[in-house]
Amino acid sequence: MLFFITGVWPLVHIYSFMVISGPKNEIWLVRTVGLLITSISLGLLSSAIMKKVDVPVIIIAFGSALSLLFVDLFYVYKNVIAKTYLGDAFVEVLILISWLIIFLRLKR
């Protein structure tokens, strides 16, 4: 659900998104990433609703969370994005831990 909110927010109201995340020069890029995150979230939500979690879903979920975590940490470190993205990084870590637990349970 957090992925969905993260993805939809800049699509629905870019200005409130920028109040929290900082100013953006490339609005089209923010919206493109929003669309991609929304698409990923819809796939993950449908998998949860159908109660069908398999390895490809876990790879997409884990890979996207890990990618967003890397981007958050790297670009905060480089002072390219606001430090508020560290909050997003923390949530990504929680998501990664959750998917790791799901994967380990499925492996049994």
PDB file of N, CA and C in Angstrom:
ATOM      1  N   MET A   1       0.821  -1.191   0.000  1.00  0.00           N
ATOM      2  CA  MET A   1       0.000   0.000   0.000  1.00  0.00           C
ATOM      3  C   MET A   1       0.870   1.262   0.000  1.00  0.00           C
ATOM      4  N   LEU A   2       2.008   1.201   0.709  1.00  0.00           N
ATOM      5  CA  LEU A   2       2.891   2.366   0.726  1.00  0.00           C
ATOM      6  C   LEU A   2       3.451   2.673  -0.656  1.00  0.00           C
ATOM      7  N   PHE A   3       3.768   1.620  -1.419  1.00  0.00           N
ATOM      8  CA  PHE A   3       4.235   1.841  -2.788  1.00  0.00           C
ATOM      9  C   PHE A   3       3.163   2.579  -3.585  1.00  0.00           C
ATOM     10  N   PHE A   4       1.922   2.164  -3.427  1.00  0.00           N
ATOM     11  CA  PHE A   4       0.835   2.782  -4.173  1.00  0.00           C
ATOM     12  C   PHE A   4       0.722   4.275  -3.838  1.00  0.00           C
ATOM     13  N   ILE A   5       0.741   4.597  -2.560  1.00  0.00           N
ATOM     14  CA  ILE A   5       0.644   5.999  -2.136  1.00  0.00           C
ATOM     15  C   ILE A   5       1.830   6.797  -2.664  1.00  0.00           C
ATOM     16  N   THR A   6       3.026   6.215  -2.544  1.00  0.00           N
ATOM     17  CA  THR A   6       4.234   6.879  -3.040  1.00  0.00           C
ATOM     18  C   THR A   6       4.150   7.142  -4.538  1.00  0.00           C
ATOM     19  N   GLY A   7       3.615   6.188  -5.276  1.00  0.00           N
ATOM     20  CA  GLY A   7       3.519   6.342  -6.728  1.00  0.00           C
ATOM     21  C   GLY A   7       2.442   7.305  -7.174  1.00  0.00           C
ATOM     22  N   VAL A   8       1.297   7.263  -6.519  1.00  0.00           N
ATOM     23  CA  VAL A   8       0.155   8.076  -6.943  1.00  0.00           C
ATOM     24  C   VAL A   8       0.294   9.539  -6.518  1.00  0.00           C
ATOM     25  N   TRP A   9       0.900   9.776  -5.377  1.00  0.00           N
ATOM     26  CA  TRP A   9       0.962  11.133  -4.827  1.00  0.00           C
ATOM     27  C   TRP A   9       1.471  12.175  -5.830  1.00  0.00           C
ATOM     28  N   PRO A  10       2.634  11.990  -6.481  1.00  0.00           N
ATOM     29  CA  PRO A  10       3.074  13.028  -7.414  1.00  0.00           C
ATOM     30  C   PRO A  10       2.188  13.137  -8.656  1.00  0.00           C
ATOM     31  N   LEU A  11       1.405  12.114  -8.936  1.00  0.00           N
ATOM     32  CA  LEU A  11       0.495  12.163 -10.079  1.00  0.00           C
ATOM     33  C   LEU A  11      -0.752  12.979  -9.743  1.00  0.00           C
ATOM     34  N   VAL A  12      -1.201  12.856  -8.507  1.00  0.00           N
ATOM     35  CA  VAL A  12      -2.435  13.519  -8.080  1.00  0.00           C
ATOM     36  C   VAL A  12      -2.179  14.976  -7.687  1.00  0.00           C
ATOM     37  N   HIS A  13      -1.090  15.223  -6.947  1.00  0.00           N
ATOM     38  CA  HIS A  13      -0.829  16.595  -6.481  1.00  0.00           C
ATOM     39  C   HIS A  13       0.675  16.827  -6.346  1.00  0.00           C
ATOM     40  N   ILE A  14       1.297  17.183  -7.450  1.00  0.00           N
ATOM     41  CA  ILE A  14       2.752  17.339  -7.502  1.00  0.00           C
ATOM     42  C   ILE A  14       3.243  18.413  -6.532  1.00  0.00           C
ATOM     43  N   TYR A  15       2.439  19.442  -6.297  1.00  0.00           N
ATOM     44  CA  TYR A  15       2.914  20.552  -5.457  1.00  0.00           C
ATOM     45  C   TYR A  15       3.022  20.154  -3.983  1.00  0.00           C
ATOM     46  N   SER A  16       2.052  19.401  -3.465  1.00  0.00           N
ATOM     47  CA  SER A  16       2.180  18.946  -2.076  1.00  0.00           C
ATOM     48  C   SER A  16       3.307  17.916  -1.964  1.00  0.00           C
ATOM     49  N   PHE A  17       3.512  17.123  -3.004  1.00  0.00           N
ATOM     50  CA  PHE A  17       4.619  16.176  -3.026  1.00  0.00           C
ATOM     51  C   PHE A  17       5.949  16.915  -2.926  1.00  0.00           C
ATOM     52  N   MET A  18       6.078  18.030  -3.641  1.00  0.00           N
ATOM     53  CA  MET A  18       7.321  18.793  -3.615  1.00  0.00           C
ATOM     54  C   MET A  18       7.506  19.564  -2.308  1.00  0.00           C
ATOM     55  N   VAL A  19       6.427  19.892  -1.620  1.00  0.00           N
ATOM     56  CA  VAL A  19       6.555  20.539  -0.313  1.00  0.00           C
ATOM     57  C   VAL A  19       7.293  19.603   0.641  1.00  0.00           C
ATOM     58  N   ILE A  20       6.969  18.319   0.583  1.00  0.00           N
ATOM     59  CA  ILE A  20       7.583  17.330   1.469  1.00  0.00           C
ATOM     60  C   ILE A  20       8.946  16.875   0.947  1.00  0.00           C
ATOM     61  N   SER A  21       9.033  16.612  -0.343  1.00  0.00           N
ATOM     62  CA  SER A  21      10.244  15.998  -0.898  1.00  0.00           C
ATOM     63  C   SER A  21      11.262  16.998  -1.422  1.00  0.00           C
ATOM     64  N   GLY A  22      10.884  18.251  -1.534  1.00  0.00           N
ATOM     65  CA  GLY A  22      11.798  19.264  -2.053  1.00  0.00           C
ATOM     66  C   GLY A  22      11.468  19.604  -3.501  1.00  0.00           C
ATOM     67  N   PRO A  23      11.974  20.758  -3.961  1.00  0.00           N
ATOM     68  CA  PRO A  23      11.670  21.199  -5.330  1.00  0.00           C
ATOM     69  C   PRO A  23      12.271  20.252  -6.372  1.00  0.00           C
ATOM     70  N   LYS A  24      11.602  20.180  -7.487  1.00  0.00           N
ATOM     71  CA  LYS A  24      12.045  19.320  -8.587  1.00  0.00           C
ATOM     72  C   LYS A  24      12.154  20.146  -9.864  1.00  0.00           C
ATOM     73  N   ASN A  25      13.202  19.881 -10.634  1.00  0.00           N
ATOM     74  CA  ASN A  25      13.365  20.550 -11.932  1.00  0.00           C
ATOM     75  C   ASN A  25      12.709  19.772 -13.062  1.00  0.00           C
ATOM     76  N   GLU A  26      12.668  18.473 -12.931  1.00  0.00           N
ATOM     77  CA  GLU A  26      12.163  17.595 -13.988  1.00  0.00           C
ATOM     78  C   GLU A  26      10.850  16.944 -13.548  1.00  0.00           C
ATOM     79  N   ILE A  27       9.757  17.689 -13.650  1.00  0.00           N
ATOM     80  CA  ILE A  27       8.444  17.186 -13.224  1.00  0.00           C
ATOM     81  C   ILE A  27       8.063  15.937 -14.016  1.00  0.00           C
ATOM     82  N   TRP A  28       8.378  15.905 -15.293  1.00  0.00           N
ATOM     83  CA  TRP A  28       8.039  14.745 -16.116  1.00  0.00           C
ATOM     84  C   TRP A  28       8.711  13.481 -15.575  1.00  0.00           C
ATOM     85  N   LEU A  29       9.935  13.622 -15.055  1.00  0.00           N
ATOM     86  CA  LEU A  29      10.648  12.473 -14.522  1.00  0.00           C
ATOM     87  C   LEU A  29      10.020  11.993 -13.213  1.00  0.00           C
ATOM     88  N   VAL A  30       9.609  12.935 -12.368  1.00  0.00           N
ATOM     89  CA  VAL A  30       8.926  12.583 -11.114  1.00  0.00           C
ATOM     90  C   VAL A  30       7.635  11.833 -11.430  1.00  0.00           C
ATOM     91  N   ARG A  31       6.898  12.309 -12.407  1.00  0.00           N
ATOM     92  CA  ARG A  31       5.641  11.641 -12.776  1.00  0.00           C
ATOM     93  C   ARG A  31       5.895  10.274 -13.421  1.00  0.00           C
ATOM     94  N   THR A  32       6.965  10.158 -14.202  1.00  0.00           N
ATOM     95  CA  THR A  32       7.307   8.869 -14.804  1.00  0.00           C
ATOM     96  C   THR A  32       7.626   7.838 -13.728  1.00  0.00           C
ATOM     97  N   VAL A  33       8.446   8.226 -12.754  1.00  0.00           N
ATOM     98  CA  VAL A  33       8.765   7.327 -11.649  1.00  0.00           C
ATOM     99  C   VAL A  33       7.500   7.001 -10.855  1.00  0.00           C
ATOM    100  N   GLY A  34       6.632   7.993 -10.666  1.00  0.00           N
ATOM    101  CA  GLY A  34       5.361   7.760  -9.986  1.00  0.00           C
ATOM    102  C   GLY A  34       4.521   6.712 -10.697  1.00  0.00           C
ATOM    103  N   LEU A  35       4.463   6.800 -12.017  1.00  0.00           N
ATOM    104  CA  LEU A  35       3.705   5.810 -12.792  1.00  0.00           C
ATOM    105  C   LEU A  35       4.318   4.411 -12.661  1.00  0.00           C
ATOM    106  N   LEU A  36       5.635   4.331 -12.704  1.00  0.00           N
ATOM    107  CA  LEU A  36       6.295   3.032 -12.558  1.00  0.00           C
ATOM    108  C   LEU A  36       6.051   2.428 -11.174  1.00  0.00           C
ATOM    109  N   ILE A  37       6.174   3.253 -10.138  1.00  0.00           N
ATOM    110  CA  ILE A  37       5.939   2.752  -8.778  1.00  0.00           C
ATOM    111  C   ILE A  37       4.481   2.343  -8.606  1.00  0.00           C
ATOM    112  N   THR A  38       3.565   3.106  -9.190  1.00  0.00           N
ATOM    113  CA  THR A  38       2.146   2.748  -9.127  1.00  0.00           C
ATOM    114  C   THR A  38       1.898   1.411  -9.815  1.00  0.00           C
ATOM    115  N   SER A  39       2.509   1.206 -10.972  1.00  0.00           N
ATOM    116  CA  SER A  39       2.346  -0.063 -11.691  1.00  0.00           C
ATOM    117  C   SER A  39       2.862  -1.240 -10.874  1.00  0.00           C
ATOM    118  N   ILE A  40       4.034  -1.075 -10.279  1.00  0.00           N
ATOM    119  CA  ILE A  40       4.599  -2.133  -9.430  1.00  0.00           C
ATOM    120  C   ILE A  40       3.659  -2.407  -8.262  1.00  0.00           C
ATOM    121  N   SER A  41       3.175  -1.343  -7.640  1.00  0.00           N
ATOM    122  CA  SER A  41       2.310  -1.512  -6.465  1.00  0.00           C
ATOM    123  C   SER A  41       1.019  -2.233  -6.813  1.00  0.00           C
ATOM    124  N   LEU A  42       0.452  -1.956  -7.967  1.00  0.00           N
ATOM    125  CA  LEU A  42      -0.782  -2.636  -8.360  1.00  0.00           C
ATOM    126  C   LEU A  42      -0.548  -4.132  -8.552  1.00  0.00           C
ATOM    127  N   GLY A  43       0.590  -4.491  -9.124  1.00  0.00           N
ATOM    128  CA  GLY A  43       0.928  -5.909  -9.251  1.00  0.00           C
ATOM    129  C   GLY A  43       1.096  -6.575  -7.893  1.00  0.00           C
ATOM    130  N   LEU A  44       1.770  -5.887  -6.965  1.00  0.00           N
ATOM    131  CA  LEU A  44       1.982  -6.447  -5.629  1.00  0.00           C
ATOM    132  C   LEU A  44       0.676  -6.537  -4.859  1.00  0.00           C
ATOM    133  N   LEU A  45      -0.168  -5.500  -4.984  1.00  0.00           N
ATOM    134  CA  LEU A  45      -1.469  -5.531  -4.300  1.00  0.00           C
ATOM    135  C   LEU A  45      -2.355  -6.644  -4.846  1.00  0.00           C
ATOM    136  N   SER A  46      -2.360  -6.839  -6.156  1.00  0.00           N
ATOM    137  CA  SER A  46      -3.182  -7.913  -6.727  1.00  0.00           C
ATOM    138  C   SER A  46      -2.665  -9.276  -6.286  1.00  0.00           C
ATOM    139  N   SER A  47      -1.357  -9.418  -6.167  1.00  0.00           N
ATOM    140  CA  SER A  47      -0.783 -10.670  -5.661  1.00  0.00           C
ATOM    141  C   SER A  47      -1.223 -10.927  -4.219  1.00  0.00           C
ATOM    142  N   ALA A  48      -1.244  -9.866  -3.413  1.00  0.00           N
ATOM    143  CA  ALA A  48      -1.679 -10.014  -2.016  1.00  0.00           C
ATOM    144  C   ALA A  48      -3.160 -10.357  -1.928  1.00  0.00           C
ATOM    145  N   ILE A  49      -3.981  -9.691  -2.733  1.00  0.00           N
ATOM    146  CA  ILE A  49      -5.422  -9.943  -2.721  1.00  0.00           C
ATOM    147  C   ILE A  49      -5.721 -11.376  -3.162  1.00  0.00           C
ATOM    148  N   MET A  50      -5.005 -11.840  -4.187  1.00  0.00           N
ATOM    149  CA  MET A  50      -5.212 -13.196  -4.697  1.00  0.00           C
ATOM    150  C   MET A  50      -4.531 -14.250  -3.823  1.00  0.00           C
ATOM    151  N   LYS A  51      -3.762 -13.769  -2.844  1.00  0.00           N
ATOM    152  CA  LYS A  51      -3.007 -14.663  -1.950  1.00  0.00           C
ATOM    153  C   LYS A  51      -2.134 -15.617  -2.752  1.00  0.00           C
ATOM    154  N   LYS A  52      -1.483 -15.057  -3.769  1.00  0.00           N
ATOM    155  CA  LYS A  52      -0.592 -15.831  -4.623  1.00  0.00           C
ATOM    156  C   LYS A  52       0.726 -15.075  -4.731  1.00  0.00           C
ATOM    157  N   VAL A  53       1.678 -15.492  -3.919  1.00  0.00           N
ATOM    158  CA  VAL A  53       2.998 -14.875  -3.938  1.00  0.00           C
ATOM    159  C   VAL A  53       3.990 -15.924  -4.407  1.00  0.00           C
ATOM    160  N   ASP A  54       4.604 -15.666  -5.558  1.00  0.00           N
ATOM    161  CA  ASP A  54       5.606 -16.592  -6.055  1.00  0.00           C
ATOM    162  C   ASP A  54       6.923 -15.848  -6.260  1.00  0.00           C
ATOM    163  N   VAL A  55       7.932 -16.565  -6.700  1.00  0.00           N
ATOM    164  CA  VAL A  55       9.278 -16.011  -6.783  1.00  0.00           C
ATOM    165  C   VAL A  55       9.355 -14.772  -7.684  1.00  0.00           C
ATOM    166  N   PRO A  56       8.750 -14.755  -8.875  1.00  0.00           N
ATOM    167  CA  PRO A  56       8.839 -13.532  -9.683  1.00  0.00           C
ATOM    168  C   PRO A  56       8.268 -12.291  -8.983  1.00  0.00           C
ATOM    169  N   VAL A  57       7.189 -12.462  -8.240  1.00  0.00           N
ATOM    170  CA  VAL A  57       6.605 -11.338  -7.493  1.00  0.00           C
ATOM    171  C   VAL A  57       7.589 -10.862  -6.430  1.00  0.00           C
ATOM    172  N   ILE A  58       8.210 -11.801  -5.746  1.00  0.00           N
ATOM    173  CA  ILE A  58       9.177 -11.448  -4.708  1.00  0.00           C
ATOM    174  C   ILE A  58      10.378 -10.736  -5.318  1.00  0.00           C
ATOM    175  N   ILE A  59      10.835 -11.188  -6.468  1.00  0.00           N
ATOM    176  CA  ILE A  59      11.968 -10.538  -7.139  1.00  0.00           C
ATOM    177  C   ILE A  59      11.625  -9.099  -7.501  1.00  0.00           C
ATOM    178  N   ILE A  60      10.436  -8.877  -8.045  1.00  0.00           N
ATOM    179  CA  ILE A  60      10.014  -7.517  -8.403  1.00  0.00           C
ATOM    180  C   ILE A  60       9.880  -6.654  -7.158  1.00  0.00           C
ATOM    181  N   ALA A  61       9.247  -7.187  -6.122  1.00  0.00           N
ATOM    182  CA  ALA A  61       9.044  -6.431  -4.883  1.00  0.00           C
ATOM    183  C   ALA A  61      10.381  -6.094  -4.227  1.00  0.00           C
ATOM    184  N   PHE A  62      11.230  -7.090  -4.068  1.00  0.00           N
ATOM    185  CA  PHE A  62      12.516  -6.900  -3.410  1.00  0.00           C
ATOM    186  C   PHE A  62      13.421  -5.994  -4.246  1.00  0.00           C
ATOM    187  N   GLY A  63      13.460  -6.238  -5.544  1.00  0.00           N
ATOM    188  CA  GLY A  63      14.312  -5.445  -6.432  1.00  0.00           C
ATOM    189  C   GLY A  63      13.910  -3.986  -6.498  1.00  0.00           C
ATOM    190  N   SER A  64      12.618  -3.722  -6.553  1.00  0.00           N
ATOM    191  CA  SER A  64      12.169  -2.327  -6.619  1.00  0.00           C
ATOM    192  C   SER A  64      12.433  -1.611  -5.295  1.00  0.00           C
ATOM    193  N   ALA A  65      12.188  -2.287  -4.174  1.00  0.00           N
ATOM    194  CA  ALA A  65      12.457  -1.671  -2.867  1.00  0.00           C
ATOM    195  C   ALA A  65      13.953  -1.421  -2.687  1.00  0.00           C
ATOM    196  N   LEU A  66      14.773  -2.370  -3.087  1.00  0.00           N
ATOM    197  CA  LEU A  66      16.224  -2.209  -2.978  1.00  0.00           C
ATOM    198  C   LEU A  66      16.717  -1.075  -3.879  1.00  0.00           C
ATOM    199  N   SER A  67      16.166  -0.987  -5.075  1.00  0.00           N
ATOM    200  CA  SER A  67      16.546   0.098  -5.993  1.00  0.00           C
ATOM    201  C   SER A  67      16.184   1.462  -5.422  1.00  0.00           C
ATOM    202  N   LEU A  68      14.973   1.593  -4.900  1.00  0.00           N
ATOM    203  CA  LEU A  68      14.549   2.872  -4.317  1.00  0.00           C
ATOM    204  C   LEU A  68      15.382   3.217  -3.082  1.00  0.00           C
ATOM    205  N   LEU A  69      15.727   2.213  -2.284  1.00  0.00           N
ATOM    206  CA  LEU A  69      16.584   2.436  -1.123  1.00  0.00           C
ATOM    207  C   LEU A  69      17.944   2.972  -1.564  1.00  0.00           C
ATOM    208  N   PHE A  70      18.530   2.348  -2.562  1.00  0.00           N
ATOM    209  CA  PHE A  70      19.829   2.788  -3.069  1.00  0.00           C
ATOM    210  C   PHE A  70      19.760   4.232  -3.574  1.00  0.00           C
ATOM    211  N   VAL A  71      18.739   4.533  -4.355  1.00  0.00           N
ATOM    212  CA  VAL A  71      18.585   5.896  -4.895  1.00  0.00           C
ATOM    213  C   VAL A  71      18.444   6.898  -3.759  1.00  0.00           C
ATOM    214  N   ASP A  72      17.602   6.585  -2.782  1.00  0.00           N
ATOM    215  CA  ASP A  72      17.417   7.490  -1.632  1.00  0.00           C
ATOM    216  C   ASP A  72      18.738   7.757  -0.922  1.00  0.00           C
ATOM    217  N   LEU A  73      19.438   6.705  -0.559  1.00  0.00           N
ATOM    218  CA  LEU A  73      20.677   6.867   0.208  1.00  0.00           C
ATOM    219  C   LEU A  73      21.778   7.552  -0.594  1.00  0.00           C
ATOM    220  N   PHE A  74      21.949   7.127  -1.828  1.00  0.00           N
ATOM    221  CA  PHE A  74      23.017   7.678  -2.668  1.00  0.00           C
ATOM    222  C   PHE A  74      22.816   9.167  -2.934  1.00  0.00           C
ATOM    223  N   TYR A  75      21.590   9.537  -3.316  1.00  0.00           N
ATOM    224  CA  TYR A  75      21.364  10.932  -3.699  1.00  0.00           C
ATOM    225  C   TYR A  75      21.178  11.864  -2.508  1.00  0.00           C
ATOM    226  N   VAL A  76      20.787  11.340  -1.352  1.00  0.00           N
ATOM    227  CA  VAL A  76      20.827  12.157  -0.134  1.00  0.00           C
ATOM    228  C   VAL A  76      22.285  12.416   0.220  1.00  0.00           C
ATOM    229  N   TYR A  77      23.115  11.375   0.146  1.00  0.00           N
ATOM    230  CA  TYR A  77      24.547  11.510   0.436  1.00  0.00           C
ATOM    231  C   TYR A  77      25.206  12.538  -0.492  1.00  0.00           C
ATOM    232  N   LYS A  78      24.806  12.547  -1.756  1.00  0.00           N
ATOM    233  CA  LYS A  78      25.368  13.478  -2.743  1.00  0.00           C
ATOM    234  C   LYS A  78      24.724  14.872  -2.689  1.00  0.00           C
ATOM    235  N   ASN A  79      23.777  15.063  -1.751  1.00  0.00           N
ATOM    236  CA  ASN A  79      23.047  16.335  -1.605  1.00  0.00           C
ATOM    237  C   ASN A  79      22.266  16.729  -2.855  1.00  0.00           C
ATOM    238  N   VAL A  80      21.764  15.735  -3.563  1.00  0.00           N
ATOM    239  CA  VAL A  80      20.949  15.983  -4.748  1.00  0.00           C
ATOM    240  C   VAL A  80      19.475  16.051  -4.372  1.00  0.00           C
ATOM    241  N   ILE A  81      19.059  15.229  -3.403  1.00  0.00           N
ATOM    242  CA  ILE A  81      17.672  15.222  -2.945  1.00  0.00           C
ATOM    243  C   ILE A  81      17.625  15.551  -1.456  1.00  0.00           C
ATOM    244  N   ALA A  82      16.436  15.927  -0.995  1.00  0.00           N
ATOM    245  CA  ALA A  82      16.256  16.360   0.395  1.00  0.00           C
ATOM    246  C   ALA A  82      16.457  15.200   1.371  1.00  0.00           C
ATOM    247  N   LYS A  83      16.854  15.543   2.575  1.00  0.00           N
ATOM    248  CA  LYS A  83      17.057  14.543   3.632  1.00  0.00           C
ATOM    249  C   LYS A  83      15.751  13.869   4.051  1.00  0.00           C
ATOM    250  N   THR A  84      14.622  14.444   3.671  1.00  0.00           N
ATOM    251  CA  THR A  84      13.340  13.789   3.975  1.00  0.00           C
ATOM    252  C   THR A  84      13.249  12.417   3.305  1.00  0.00           C
ATOM    253  N   TYR A  85      14.041  12.205   2.270  1.00  0.00           N
ATOM    254  CA  TYR A  85      14.057  10.903   1.598  1.00  0.00           C
ATOM    255  C   TYR A  85      14.652   9.812   2.478  1.00  0.00           C
ATOM    256  N   LEU A  86      15.332  10.187   3.560  1.00  0.00           N
ATOM    257  CA  LEU A  86      15.816   9.173   4.498  1.00  0.00           C
ATOM    258  C   LEU A  86      14.642   8.470   5.178  1.00  0.00           C
ATOM    259  N   GLY A  87      13.535   9.177   5.348  1.00  0.00           N
ATOM    260  CA  GLY A  87      12.314   8.542   5.867  1.00  0.00           C
ATOM    261  C   GLY A  87      11.815   7.489   4.901  1.00  0.00           C
ATOM    262  N   ASP A  88      11.879   7.797   3.615  1.00  0.00           N
ATOM    263  CA  ASP A  88      11.498   6.834   2.592  1.00  0.00           C
ATOM    264  C   ASP A  88      12.456   5.640   2.615  1.00  0.00           C
ATOM    265  N   ALA A  89      13.737   5.920   2.808  1.00  0.00           N
ATOM    266  CA  ALA A  89      14.729   4.844   2.879  1.00  0.00           C
ATOM    267  C   ALA A  89      14.422   3.899   4.042  1.00  0.00           C
ATOM    268  N   PHE A  90      14.024   4.464   5.174  1.00  0.00           N
ATOM    269  CA  PHE A  90      13.668   3.643   6.331  1.00  0.00           C
ATOM    270  C   PHE A  90      12.492   2.724   6.005  1.00  0.00           C
ATOM    271  N   VAL A  91      11.491   3.266   5.338  1.00  0.00           N
ATOM    272  CA  VAL A  91      10.330   2.456   4.939  1.00  0.00           C
ATOM    273  C   VAL A  91      10.759   1.368   3.958  1.00  0.00           C
ATOM    274  N   GLU A  92      11.666   1.694   3.055  1.00  0.00           N
ATOM    275  CA  GLU A  92      12.158   0.684   2.100  1.00  0.00           C
ATOM    276  C   GLU A  92      12.852  -0.462   2.839  1.00  0.00           C
ATOM    277  N   VAL A  93      13.604  -0.140   3.885  1.00  0.00           N
ATOM    278  CA  VAL A  93      14.249  -1.193   4.678  1.00  0.00           C
ATOM    279  C   VAL A  93      13.189  -2.099   5.311  1.00  0.00           C
ATOM    280  N   LEU A  94      12.127  -1.505   5.839  1.00  0.00           N
ATOM    281  CA  LEU A  94      11.045  -2.299   6.423  1.00  0.00           C
ATOM    282  C   LEU A  94      10.385  -3.189   5.378  1.00  0.00           C
ATOM    283  N   ILE A  95      10.202  -2.648   4.192  1.00  0.00           N
ATOM    284  CA  ILE A  95       9.612  -3.425   3.097  1.00  0.00           C
ATOM    285  C   ILE A  95      10.541  -4.586   2.725  1.00  0.00           C
ATOM    286  N   LEU A  96      11.835  -4.316   2.644  1.00  0.00           N
ATOM    287  CA  LEU A  96      12.801  -5.378   2.326  1.00  0.00           C
ATOM    288  C   LEU A  96      12.773  -6.492   3.375  1.00  0.00           C
ATOM    289  N   ILE A  97      12.740  -6.112   4.629  1.00  0.00           N
ATOM    290  CA  ILE A  97      12.678  -7.109   5.708  1.00  0.00           C
ATOM    291  C   ILE A  97      11.399  -7.933   5.588  1.00  0.00           C
ATOM    292  N   SER A  98      10.289  -7.269   5.315  1.00  0.00           N
ATOM    293  CA  SER A  98       9.009  -7.976   5.168  1.00  0.00           C
ATOM    294  C   SER A  98       9.055  -8.996   4.040  1.00  0.00           C
ATOM    295  N   TRP A  99       9.590  -8.589   2.893  1.00  0.00           N
ATOM    296  CA  TRP A  99       9.658  -9.511   1.759  1.00  0.00           C
ATOM    297  C   TRP A  99      10.654 -10.634   2.002  1.00  0.00           C
ATOM    298  N   LEU A 100      11.710 -10.362   2.739  1.00  0.00           N
ATOM    299  CA  LEU A 100      12.657 -11.411   3.089  1.00  0.00           C
ATOM    300  C   LEU A 100      11.985 -12.459   3.977  1.00  0.00           C
ATOM    301  N   ILE A 101      11.184 -12.006   4.922  1.00  0.00           N
ATOM    302  CA  ILE A 101      10.439 -12.930   5.788  1.00  0.00           C
ATOM    303  C   ILE A 101       9.462 -13.765   4.958  1.00  0.00           C
ATOM    304  N   ILE A 102       8.749 -13.118   4.040  1.00  0.00           N
ATOM    305  CA  ILE A 102       7.809 -13.845   3.173  1.00  0.00           C
ATOM    306  C   ILE A 102       8.559 -14.898   2.357  1.00  0.00           C
ATOM    307  N   PHE A 103       9.691 -14.516   1.798  1.00  0.00           N
ATOM    308  CA  PHE A 103      10.476 -15.450   0.982  1.00  0.00           C
ATOM    309  C   PHE A 103      10.937 -16.655   1.804  1.00  0.00           C
ATOM    310  N   LEU A 104      11.433 -16.387   3.003  1.00  0.00           N
ATOM    311  CA  LEU A 104      11.907 -17.483   3.864  1.00  0.00           C
ATOM    312  C   LEU A 104      10.767 -18.415   4.267  1.00  0.00           C
ATOM    313  N   ARG A 105       9.583 -17.866   4.482  1.00  0.00           N
ATOM    314  CA  ARG A 105       8.415 -18.707   4.805  1.00  0.00           C
ATOM    315  C   ARG A 105       7.987 -19.551   3.623  1.00  0.00           C
ATOM    316  N   LEU A 106       8.062 -18.978   2.430  1.00  0.00           N
ATOM    317  CA  LEU A 106       7.692 -19.738   1.225  1.00  0.00           C
ATOM    318  C   LEU A 106       8.682 -20.864   0.952  1.00  0.00           C
ATOM    319  N   LYS A 107       9.929 -20.644   1.312  1.00  0.00           N
ATOM    320  CA  LYS A 107      10.956 -21.641   1.067  1.00  0.00           C
ATOM    321  C   LYS A 107      10.762 -22.900   1.906  1.00  0.00           C
ATOM    322  N   ARG A 108      10.115 -22.767   3.049  1.00  0.00           N
ATOM    323  CA  ARG A 108       9.875 -23.928   3.933  1.00  0.00           C
ATOM    324  C   ARG A 108       8.933 -24.869   3.332  1.00  0.00           C
TER     325      ARG A 108
END
